[in-house]
């Protein structure tokens, strides 16, 4: 029989970008030859007569004590990250259709499968065991680790301070905005609606969820077709309760009237997208450099424009943006941009329907930031954002 040095927690929702170490051995008297570790598609989500997909398979050899070690993290991350963190959601919300507000976000965000471990022995049948495991495309830190369960209903966003059950979000009118909801594993979600209760004004609405991870779109930029046409939000603070079946979670959504600024979204630590409108007091800098020159000293002086030809220039813009006087909950959202592998700048027009093509991928140049200052209860951030290299004429 296969024994684990540390028990595998099958109920836990695992982070695909944290270590996921398994140590095991066989308690048979014969020394083991090798072990095969295979992750395959869960049989619960397969159609009849369909072969399960093999996400990865690895052969391990024992140490001198006959024990095996594997870190699942690099294998799982490679299998899960099917879209390189790109966001290609194309929302088309229609106030008369509840299903138009929800979209599947499981691909590239969530992975569930059956982990099979088989230990081979010379002359005997192998020992085999199977575990059902699930991951999201996130990571947690040692100093703020929170165990999450597969059966939890979660928003893929930072928790409020000192809470593992409530969230804080900020929604600016006139800009695209959505929240990502982890719906738990299984088929229960298919037979139950996603209920959203606004406890601030007493209104509620049921939506059609996707399996495992759902993006609930508040706005695609328009003002005449938004979540508010079917579930009105109060100006300022809205306390939402999201539920399906017996599971639920809560979020404080602060609705802010339209204002100018630099609007960004980024992949946060739990695999969802966070949004923030930075102050309108931003600066734009442009840097250029010559790409070199070509020798053209091949004419008489009276017929020459010069002895060299300029090839052209490389040009790139950068933004200096600020977020000022942030509360603790606001800071927990904005600080996520520092670790994010994918940041987008909104290039569309407010109060008009926008698509995923109205976002440009940008790079955070800022390498450090002070997250908390004991002398100041509120936090200020200043970031340098590098835009894509500009197109220029060149030889």
Protein backbone atom coordinates (compact mmCIF):
# COMPACT_ATOMS: atom_id res chain seq x y z
CA UNK A 1 0.00 0.00 0.00
CA UNK A 2 1.17 3.52 -0.80
CA UNK A 3 1.80 5.69 2.25
CA UNK A 4 2.17 9.47 2.22
CA UNK A 5 4.66 11.23 4.47
CA UNK A 6 2.16 14.10 4.70
CA UNK A 7 -1.50 13.43 4.01
CA UNK A 8 -2.90 14.84 0.75
CA UNK A 9 -5.76 17.24 1.44
CA UNK A 10 -8.24 16.40 -1.32
CA UNK A 11 -10.76 18.99 -0.12
CA UNK A 12 -8.31 21.89 -0.51
CA UNK A 13 -8.37 24.28 -3.44
CA UNK A 14 -4.72 24.28 -4.42
CA UNK A 15 -2.63 27.11 -5.85
CA UNK A 16 -1.01 26.27 -9.19
CA UNK A 17 1.89 28.66 -8.55
CA UNK A 18 2.80 27.49 -5.05
CA UNK A 19 4.88 24.43 -4.29
CA UNK A 20 2.77 21.27 -4.23
CA UNK A 21 5.17 18.68 -2.83
CA UNK A 22 4.22 15.03 -2.37
CA UNK A 23 6.43 12.47 -0.59
CA UNK A 24 5.37 8.85 -0.55
CA UNK A 25 6.55 5.24 -0.33
CA UNK A 26 5.24 1.69 -0.54
CA UNK A 27 5.02 -0.37 2.64
CA UNK A 28 5.74 -3.61 0.78
CA UNK A 29 8.82 -5.52 1.88
CA UNK A 30 10.30 -5.58 -1.63
CA UNK A 31 12.24 -2.47 -2.69
CA UNK A 32 10.39 -0.35 -5.30
CA UNK A 33 11.63 -0.09 -8.87
CA UNK A 34 9.97 3.18 -9.85
CA UNK A 35 6.74 5.16 -9.51
CA UNK A 36 4.49 6.63 -12.20
CA UNK A 37 2.57 9.82 -11.36
CA UNK A 38 -0.18 10.78 -13.81
CA UNK A 39 -2.78 13.55 -13.77
CA UNK A 40 -5.80 12.95 -16.00
CA UNK A 41 -9.04 14.74 -16.66
CA UNK A 42 -11.64 14.10 -13.99
CA UNK A 43 -14.15 11.43 -14.95
CA UNK A 44 -16.95 13.60 -13.51
CA UNK A 45 -16.71 16.04 -16.42
CA UNK A 46 -16.37 13.49 -19.23
CA UNK A 47 -19.03 12.43 -21.68
CA UNK A 48 -19.75 8.75 -22.14
CA UNK A 49 -17.17 6.79 -24.15
CA UNK A 50 -14.71 9.69 -23.99
CA UNK A 51 -11.08 9.08 -23.18
CA UNK A 52 -9.77 11.32 -20.39
CA UNK A 53 -7.12 13.85 -21.30
CA UNK A 54 -3.70 13.21 -19.79
CA UNK A 55 -2.39 16.47 -18.37
CA UNK A 56 1.03 15.08 -17.46
CA UNK A 57 2.82 11.86 -16.63
CA UNK A 58 6.15 11.52 -14.80
CA UNK A 59 8.26 8.51 -13.85
CA UNK A 60 10.13 8.75 -10.56
CA UNK A 61 12.91 6.66 -9.10
CA UNK A 62 13.33 6.07 -5.37
CA UNK A 63 16.02 7.42 -3.11
CA UNK A 64 18.20 4.90 -1.18
CA UNK A 65 15.52 4.64 1.50
CA UNK A 66 12.91 3.64 -1.10
CA UNK A 67 10.98 6.92 -0.94
CA UNK A 68 9.69 9.18 -3.71
CA UNK A 69 9.42 12.95 -4.06
CA UNK A 70 7.64 15.13 -6.62
CA UNK A 71 6.69 18.80 -6.76
CA UNK A 72 3.51 18.98 -8.85
CA UNK A 73 3.72 22.75 -9.29
CA UNK A 74 5.60 23.05 -12.61
CA UNK A 75 3.58 20.23 -14.17
CA UNK A 76 0.23 21.67 -13.08
CA UNK A 77 1.12 25.24 -14.07
CA UNK A 78 2.11 24.09 -17.56
CA UNK A 79 -1.13 22.13 -17.97
CA UNK A 80 -3.35 24.88 -16.57
CA UNK A 81 -1.94 27.95 -18.33
CA UNK A 82 -3.57 27.44 -21.71
CA UNK A 83 -3.89 31.14 -22.65
CA UNK A 84 -0.69 32.74 -21.32
CA UNK A 85 -2.82 34.87 -18.95
CA UNK A 86 -4.39 36.72 -21.91
CA UNK A 87 -7.87 38.08 -21.31
CA UNK A 88 -10.04 37.59 -24.39
CA UNK A 89 -13.46 37.97 -22.79
CA UNK A 90 -15.91 39.49 -25.27
CA UNK A 91 -18.94 40.61 -23.29
CA UNK A 92 -22.20 41.45 -25.01
CA UNK A 93 -24.67 42.18 -22.28
CA UNK A 94 -28.39 42.49 -23.00
CA UNK A 95 -30.66 43.62 -20.19
CA UNK A 96 -33.39 41.16 -21.20
CA UNK A 97 -31.04 38.15 -21.03
CA UNK A 98 -29.64 37.08 -17.66
CA UNK A 99 -27.20 34.69 -19.36
CA UNK A 100 -25.55 37.61 -21.21
CA UNK A 101 -24.06 38.88 -17.93
CA UNK A 102 -22.14 35.67 -17.15
CA UNK A 103 -19.24 34.04 -19.01
CA UNK A 104 -17.08 30.99 -18.42
CA UNK A 105 -13.59 31.70 -17.14
CA UNK A 106 -12.45 28.18 -16.28
CA UNK A 107 -10.08 27.71 -19.23
CA UNK A 108 -6.65 28.80 -18.08
CA UNK A 109 -7.94 29.58 -14.58
CA UNK A 110 -9.08 26.27 -13.07
CA UNK A 111 -7.90 22.67 -13.37
CA UNK A 112 -9.35 19.58 -11.76
CA UNK A 113 -8.20 16.02 -12.28
CA UNK A 114 -7.45 12.58 -10.93
CA UNK A 115 -3.90 12.12 -9.69
CA UNK A 116 -2.87 8.49 -10.02
CA UNK A 117 0.26 7.14 -8.31
CA UNK A 118 1.53 3.66 -9.09
CA UNK A 119 4.61 2.09 -7.46
CA UNK A 120 6.15 -0.85 -9.34
CA UNK A 121 7.90 -3.81 -7.65
CA UNK A 122 9.89 -6.63 -9.19
CA UNK A 123 7.68 -9.69 -9.60
CA UNK A 124 4.60 -8.22 -7.90
CA UNK A 125 1.61 -6.20 -8.96
CA UNK A 126 2.05 -2.44 -8.47
CA UNK A 127 0.56 -0.45 -5.62
CA UNK A 128 -1.86 2.18 -6.92
CA UNK A 129 -3.80 5.03 -5.40
CA UNK A 130 -5.86 7.89 -6.89
CA UNK A 131 -6.61 11.32 -5.48
CA UNK A 132 -9.07 13.92 -6.78
CA UNK A 133 -7.38 17.35 -6.77
CA UNK A 134 -8.19 20.86 -8.00
CA UNK A 135 -6.13 24.01 -8.67
CA UNK A 136 -6.67 27.64 -9.60
CA UNK A 137 -4.10 29.82 -11.36
CA UNK A 138 -3.07 31.62 -8.20
CA UNK A 139 -0.46 31.88 -5.49
CA UNK A 140 -0.37 32.67 -1.78
CA UNK A 141 2.38 33.94 0.50
CA UNK A 142 3.79 32.37 3.64
CA UNK A 143 2.85 35.32 5.85
CA UNK A 144 -0.77 35.51 4.63
CA UNK A 145 -1.69 31.91 3.78
CA UNK A 146 -5.38 31.01 3.93
CA UNK A 147 -6.64 27.50 3.29
CA UNK A 148 -9.38 27.52 0.65
CA UNK A 149 -11.70 24.59 0.05
CA UNK A 150 -13.00 23.23 -3.25
CA UNK A 151 -16.53 23.58 -1.91
CA UNK A 152 -16.11 27.27 -1.02
CA UNK A 153 -17.75 29.96 -3.10
CA UNK A 154 -15.00 32.48 -3.75
CA UNK A 155 -14.38 35.70 -5.59
CA UNK A 156 -11.01 35.68 -7.34
CA UNK A 157 -10.02 38.94 -5.70
CA UNK A 158 -8.21 40.01 -2.51
CA UNK A 159 -10.12 39.54 0.74
CA UNK A 160 -11.03 42.45 2.95
CA UNK A 161 -8.64 43.06 5.83
CA UNK A 162 -8.84 40.37 8.55
CA UNK A 163 -11.44 38.39 6.62
CA UNK A 164 -11.48 35.20 4.58
CA UNK A 165 -15.17 35.46 3.67
CA UNK A 166 -15.77 39.02 2.47
CA UNK A 167 -14.36 41.12 -0.36
CA UNK A 168 -14.06 44.78 -1.28
CA UNK A 169 -14.41 45.97 -4.89
CA UNK A 170 -14.61 49.33 -6.60
CA UNK A 171 -16.68 49.95 -9.74
CA UNK A 172 -16.36 53.13 -11.82
CA UNK A 173 -19.32 53.94 -14.05
CA UNK A 174 -18.56 54.22 -17.75
CA UNK A 175 -15.73 51.66 -17.71
CA UNK A 176 -15.73 47.88 -18.29
CA UNK A 177 -15.89 45.92 -15.04
CA UNK A 178 -16.54 42.33 -13.94
CA UNK A 179 -15.90 39.98 -11.04
CA UNK A 180 -14.66 36.38 -11.26
CA UNK A 181 -16.50 33.83 -9.11
CA UNK A 182 -15.24 30.36 -8.25
CA UNK A 183 -18.32 28.15 -8.28
CA UNK A 184 -16.97 24.93 -6.72
CA UNK A 185 -16.37 21.58 -8.40
CA UNK A 186 -19.16 19.40 -9.75
CA UNK A 187 -22.50 19.70 -11.46
CA UNK A 188 -24.47 21.34 -8.65
CA UNK A 189 -23.87 24.77 -10.17
CA UNK A 190 -25.59 23.76 -13.42
CA UNK A 191 -28.90 23.15 -11.68
CA UNK A 192 -28.91 26.23 -9.47
CA UNK A 193 -28.96 29.90 -10.41
CA UNK A 194 -26.37 32.38 -9.20
CA UNK A 195 -28.34 34.61 -6.85
CA UNK A 196 -27.09 38.13 -6.22
CA UNK A 197 -28.75 40.04 -3.37
CA UNK A 198 -28.09 43.74 -2.88
CA UNK A 199 -28.67 44.08 0.85
CA UNK A 200 -28.26 47.87 0.60
CA UNK A 201 -31.46 48.41 -1.40
CA UNK A 202 -33.16 45.02 -0.89
CA UNK A 203 -33.12 44.03 -4.58
CA UNK A 204 -32.04 40.67 -6.01
CA UNK A 205 -31.48 38.97 -9.34
CA UNK A 206 -30.72 35.45 -10.53
CA UNK A 207 -28.11 34.78 -13.22
CA UNK A 208 -27.01 31.75 -15.24
CA UNK A 209 -23.57 30.67 -13.99
CA UNK A 210 -20.88 28.81 -15.87
CA UNK A 211 -19.26 25.69 -14.45
CA UNK A 212 -16.40 26.17 -11.98
CA UNK A 213 -15.45 29.81 -12.72
CA UNK A 214 -17.89 32.52 -13.82
CA UNK A 215 -17.25 36.14 -14.75
CA UNK A 216 -20.20 38.33 -13.80
CA UNK A 217 -20.05 41.45 -15.99
CA UNK A 218 -21.25 44.70 -14.43
CA UNK A 219 -20.51 46.82 -17.50
CA UNK A 220 -18.88 46.60 -20.92
CA UNK A 221 -18.55 50.40 -20.87
CA UNK A 222 -22.06 51.36 -21.89
CA UNK A 223 -24.39 53.22 -19.56
CA UNK A 224 -27.69 52.01 -21.08
CA UNK A 225 -26.89 48.28 -20.84
CA UNK A 226 -25.28 47.40 -17.50
CA UNK A 227 -25.90 45.13 -14.54
CA UNK A 228 -27.77 48.06 -13.03
CA UNK A 229 -30.56 47.71 -15.59
CA UNK A 230 -31.50 44.40 -13.93
CA UNK A 231 -30.00 44.87 -10.45
CA UNK A 232 -29.77 48.56 -9.46
CA UNK A 233 -26.82 49.66 -7.35
CA UNK A 234 -26.86 52.51 -4.90
CA UNK A 235 -24.43 55.38 -5.25
CA UNK A 236 -21.54 54.58 -2.93
CA UNK A 237 -21.50 51.40 -0.86
CA UNK A 238 -23.44 48.28 -1.90
CA UNK A 239 -23.37 45.15 0.24
CA UNK A 240 -23.85 42.15 -2.04
CA UNK A 241 -24.52 38.58 -1.05
CA UNK A 242 -23.78 36.06 -3.80
CA UNK A 243 -25.19 32.56 -3.40
CA UNK A 244 -26.06 29.34 -5.13
CA UNK A 245 -27.59 26.36 -3.40
CA UNK A 246 -26.36 26.48 0.22
CA UNK A 247 -23.05 28.22 -0.53
CA UNK A 248 -22.54 31.96 -0.40
CA UNK A 249 -20.04 34.78 -0.11
CA UNK A 250 -20.22 38.52 0.44
CA UNK A 251 -18.72 41.57 -1.22
CA UNK A 252 -18.78 45.30 -0.60
CA UNK A 253 -18.99 47.00 -4.01
CA UNK A 254 -18.39 50.74 -4.02
CA UNK A 255 -20.00 52.42 -7.02
CA UNK A 256 -18.16 55.57 -8.14
CA UNK A 257 -19.53 58.13 -10.65
CA UNK A 258 -17.60 58.57 -13.88
CA UNK A 259 -14.33 60.47 -13.77
CA UNK A 260 -11.29 60.80 -16.01
CA UNK A 261 -8.09 58.91 -15.32
CA UNK A 262 -5.90 56.00 -16.34
CA UNK A 263 -7.86 52.74 -16.14
CA UNK A 264 -5.91 49.51 -15.67
CA UNK A 265 -6.69 45.88 -15.08
CA UNK A 266 -4.28 43.15 -14.07
CA UNK A 267 -4.16 39.48 -13.19
CA UNK A 268 -4.32 39.26 -9.42
CA UNK A 269 -2.88 36.64 -7.07
CA UNK A 270 -5.98 34.42 -7.21
CA UNK A 271 -6.17 34.29 -11.00
CA UNK A 272 -8.94 36.85 -11.52
CA UNK A 273 -8.67 40.39 -12.87
CA UNK A 274 -8.58 43.48 -10.68
CA UNK A 275 -9.55 46.94 -11.99
CA UNK A 276 -8.49 50.41 -10.86
CA UNK A 277 -8.93 53.97 -12.12
CA UNK A 278 -5.78 55.94 -11.30
CA UNK A 279 -5.89 59.68 -10.77
CA UNK A 280 -6.25 62.07 -13.72
CA UNK A 281 -3.02 63.79 -12.60
CA UNK A 282 -0.81 61.48 -14.67
CA UNK A 283 2.25 62.36 -16.75
CA UNK A 284 3.34 61.02 -20.16
CA UNK A 285 7.00 60.77 -21.14
CA UNK A 286 8.38 59.75 -24.52
CA UNK A 287 11.84 58.33 -25.01
CA UNK A 288 13.50 57.85 -28.39
CA UNK A 289 16.79 56.49 -29.63
CA UNK A 290 18.46 56.23 -33.01
CA UNK A 291 18.59 52.81 -34.62
CA UNK A 292 21.92 53.58 -36.29
CA UNK A 293 23.06 54.77 -39.70
CA UNK A 294 24.26 53.41 -43.02
CA UNK A 295 27.36 54.64 -44.83
CA UNK A 296 26.33 56.46 -48.05
CA UNK A 297 29.54 58.35 -48.86
CA UNK A 298 29.33 57.46 -52.55
CA UNK A 299 28.66 60.77 -54.34
CA UNK A 300 30.48 64.01 -55.04
CA UNK A 301 30.02 66.69 -52.45
CA UNK A 302 27.86 68.89 -54.70
CA UNK A 303 25.41 65.96 -55.24
CA UNK A 304 25.29 64.57 -51.71
CA UNK A 305 22.74 65.00 -48.91
CA UNK A 306 25.24 63.63 -46.40
CA UNK A 307 27.80 60.91 -45.87
CA UNK A 308 25.37 58.64 -43.95
CA UNK A 309 21.72 57.63 -44.02
CA UNK A 310 19.73 57.50 -40.76
CA UNK A 311 17.95 54.15 -40.36
CA UNK A 312 15.21 55.55 -38.12
CA UNK A 313 14.23 55.76 -34.48
CA UNK A 314 12.75 53.58 -31.74
CA UNK A 315 10.09 55.40 -29.74
CA UNK A 316 8.26 54.44 -26.57
CA UNK A 317 5.92 56.23 -24.15
CA UNK A 318 5.61 55.74 -20.41
CA UNK A 319 2.97 56.89 -17.94
CA UNK A 320 3.55 58.03 -14.40
CA UNK A 321 0.34 57.31 -12.51
CA UNK A 322 -0.70 57.80 -8.91
CA UNK A 323 -3.28 56.34 -6.53
CA UNK A 324 -3.68 58.53 -3.48
CA UNK A 325 -5.14 58.22 0.02
CA UNK A 326 -6.02 54.55 -0.24
CA UNK A 327 -7.72 52.77 2.63
CA UNK A 328 -6.49 49.36 3.79
CA UNK A 329 -8.99 47.53 1.56
CA UNK A 330 -8.17 49.71 -1.45
CA UNK A 331 -4.46 49.18 -0.90
CA UNK A 332 -4.92 45.40 -0.86
CA UNK A 333 -6.33 45.62 -4.40
CA UNK A 334 -3.83 48.06 -5.89
CA UNK A 335 -0.70 46.45 -4.43
CA UNK A 336 -1.47 43.35 -6.50
CA UNK A 337 -0.22 45.12 -9.62
CA UNK A 338 3.36 44.85 -8.30
CA UNK A 339 3.37 41.03 -8.59
CA UNK A 340 1.12 40.71 -11.61
CA UNK A 341 2.45 38.99 -14.77
CA UNK A 342 -0.21 40.60 -16.98
CA UNK A 343 -1.27 44.26 -16.93
CA UNK A 344 -3.61 45.97 -19.39
CA UNK A 345 -4.26 49.64 -20.12
CA UNK A 346 -7.78 50.61 -21.22
CA UNK A 347 -7.60 52.28 -24.63
CA UNK A 348 -11.31 52.38 -25.45
CA UNK A 349 -13.86 55.12 -24.93
CA UNK A 350 -15.88 55.40 -21.72
CA UNK A 351 -19.66 55.10 -22.00
CA UNK A 352 -19.39 53.01 -25.18
CA UNK A 353 -19.36 49.28 -25.79
CA UNK A 354 -15.81 47.96 -25.63
CA UNK A 355 -14.16 44.65 -26.45
CA UNK A 356 -10.98 42.91 -25.35
CA UNK A 357 -9.26 44.66 -28.27
CA UNK A 358 -9.68 47.94 -26.38
CA UNK A 359 -6.98 46.91 -23.91
CA UNK A 360 -3.22 47.16 -24.53
CA UNK A 361 -0.71 45.08 -22.62
CA UNK A 362 1.73 47.27 -20.70
CA UNK A 363 4.69 46.75 -18.37
CA UNK A 364 5.19 48.00 -14.83
CA UNK A 365 8.61 49.65 -14.64
CA UNK A 366 8.34 50.44 -10.93
CA UNK A 367 10.34 47.87 -9.01
CA UNK A 368 9.40 48.75 -5.44
CA UNK A 369 6.74 50.56 -3.43
CA UNK A 370 6.08 51.27 0.23
CA UNK A 371 2.94 49.36 1.14
CA UNK A 372 2.44 50.79 4.61
CA UNK A 373 3.78 53.77 6.53
CA UNK A 374 3.13 53.85 10.25
CA UNK A 375 3.08 57.66 10.15
CA UNK A 376 0.24 57.74 7.63
CA UNK A 377 -3.02 55.76 7.95
CA UNK A 378 -3.69 56.07 4.20
CA UNK A 379 -1.42 54.83 1.41
CA UNK A 380 -0.14 56.59 -1.71
CA UNK A 381 1.25 54.75 -4.72
CA UNK A 382 3.20 56.09 -7.70
CA UNK A 383 3.86 53.76 -10.63
CA UNK A 384 5.70 54.04 -13.95
CA UNK A 385 3.92 52.15 -16.71
CA UNK A 386 5.73 51.41 -19.97
CA UNK A 387 3.50 51.33 -23.04
CA UNK A 388 4.13 49.16 -26.11
CA UNK A 389 6.92 50.30 -28.44
CA UNK A 390 5.52 52.80 -30.97
CA UNK A 391 5.52 52.14 -34.69
CA UNK A 392 7.94 54.39 -36.57
CA UNK A 393 9.19 54.70 -40.15
CA UNK A 394 12.60 53.13 -40.68
CA UNK A 395 14.79 51.87 -43.47
